[in-house]
């Protein structure tokens, strides 16, 4: 998909220089910048990233379920279960 983005002259010059210094195209710089922005806001960049995030969420949910205490046992039921 193509989108037109406008930069002021100073920003455009700095981006061109950065591209030259890093031997990267403006497209590569833009891809990196947008990937960083999505990561900052917790949005998966690609399918692999989405699957990794989903697995982490399921693992965290599983740990929370395991840490929940069981139902409270009434005193009478506890006393009946004791050996004398």
Protein backbone atom coordinates (compact mmCIF):
# COMPACT_ATOMS: atom_id res chain seq x y z
CA UNK A 1 0.00 0.00 0.00
CA UNK A 2 1.33 3.41 -0.87
CA UNK A 3 0.75 6.46 1.29
CA UNK A 4 2.10 9.94 0.79
CA UNK A 5 3.83 11.39 3.85
CA UNK A 6 5.08 14.95 3.94
CA UNK A 7 8.19 16.03 5.89
CA UNK A 8 9.54 19.51 6.38
CA UNK A 9 12.84 20.18 4.59
CA UNK A 10 14.99 19.88 7.72
CA UNK A 11 13.50 16.51 8.72
CA UNK A 12 13.79 15.18 5.16
CA UNK A 13 17.47 16.19 5.03
CA UNK A 14 18.17 14.49 8.36
CA UNK A 15 16.40 11.31 7.27
CA UNK A 16 18.38 11.25 4.00
CA UNK A 17 21.64 11.70 5.93
CA UNK A 18 20.69 8.98 8.41
CA UNK A 19 19.91 6.67 5.50
CA UNK A 20 23.30 7.37 3.95
CA UNK A 21 25.10 6.85 7.28
CA UNK A 22 23.38 3.54 7.89
CA UNK A 23 23.37 2.51 4.22
CA UNK A 24 19.58 2.17 4.39
CA UNK A 25 16.74 3.41 2.24
CA UNK A 26 14.06 5.77 3.46
CA UNK A 27 11.65 2.81 3.26
CA UNK A 28 13.85 0.75 5.59
CA UNK A 29 14.03 3.64 8.05
CA UNK A 30 10.24 4.04 7.91
CA UNK A 31 9.68 0.28 8.41
CA UNK A 32 11.92 0.32 11.49
CA UNK A 33 10.24 3.43 12.90
CA UNK A 34 6.71 2.08 12.45
CA UNK A 35 7.68 -1.33 13.87
CA UNK A 36 9.08 0.42 16.96
CA UNK A 37 5.89 2.48 17.30
CA UNK A 38 3.67 -0.61 17.11
CA UNK A 39 5.87 -2.46 19.62
CA UNK A 40 5.69 0.50 22.01
CA UNK A 41 1.89 0.26 21.98
CA UNK A 42 1.83 -3.54 22.29
CA UNK A 43 0.53 -4.21 18.78
CA UNK A 44 2.00 -7.33 17.11
CA UNK A 45 4.03 -6.56 13.99
CA UNK A 46 3.60 -9.88 12.20
CA UNK A 47 2.06 -13.32 12.68
CA UNK A 48 5.10 -14.67 14.54
CA UNK A 49 4.97 -11.75 16.98
CA UNK A 50 1.19 -12.17 17.44
CA UNK A 51 1.59 -15.90 18.23
CA UNK A 52 4.39 -15.18 20.69
CA UNK A 53 2.26 -12.57 22.47
CA UNK A 54 -0.75 -14.91 22.55
CA UNK A 55 1.33 -17.71 24.06
CA UNK A 56 2.64 -15.36 26.75
CA UNK A 57 -0.90 -14.24 27.61
CA UNK A 58 -2.11 -17.86 27.88
CA UNK A 59 0.88 -18.79 30.03
CA UNK A 60 0.25 -15.84 32.33
CA UNK A 61 -3.45 -16.72 32.60
CA UNK A 62 -2.53 -20.33 33.42
CA UNK A 63 -0.18 -19.21 36.18
CA UNK A 64 -2.89 -16.99 37.67
CA UNK A 65 -5.37 -19.88 37.65
CA UNK A 66 -2.86 -22.15 39.39
CA UNK A 67 -2.16 -19.54 42.06
CA UNK A 68 -5.83 -19.07 43.00
CA UNK A 69 -6.66 -20.64 46.39
CA UNK A 70 -9.16 -23.49 46.40
CA UNK A 71 -12.60 -23.19 47.94
CA UNK A 72 -12.68 -22.75 51.71
CA UNK A 73 -13.47 -25.93 53.62
CA UNK A 74 -16.10 -25.66 56.38
CA UNK A 75 -14.84 -26.51 59.89
CA UNK A 76 -17.21 -29.44 60.26
CA UNK A 77 -15.91 -31.10 57.10
CA UNK A 78 -12.33 -30.68 58.29
CA UNK A 79 -13.08 -32.22 61.70
CA UNK A 80 -14.85 -35.22 60.16
CA UNK A 81 -11.84 -35.96 57.97
CA UNK A 82 -9.38 -36.16 60.91
CA UNK A 83 -8.21 -39.49 62.23
CA UNK A 84 -8.48 -40.04 65.97
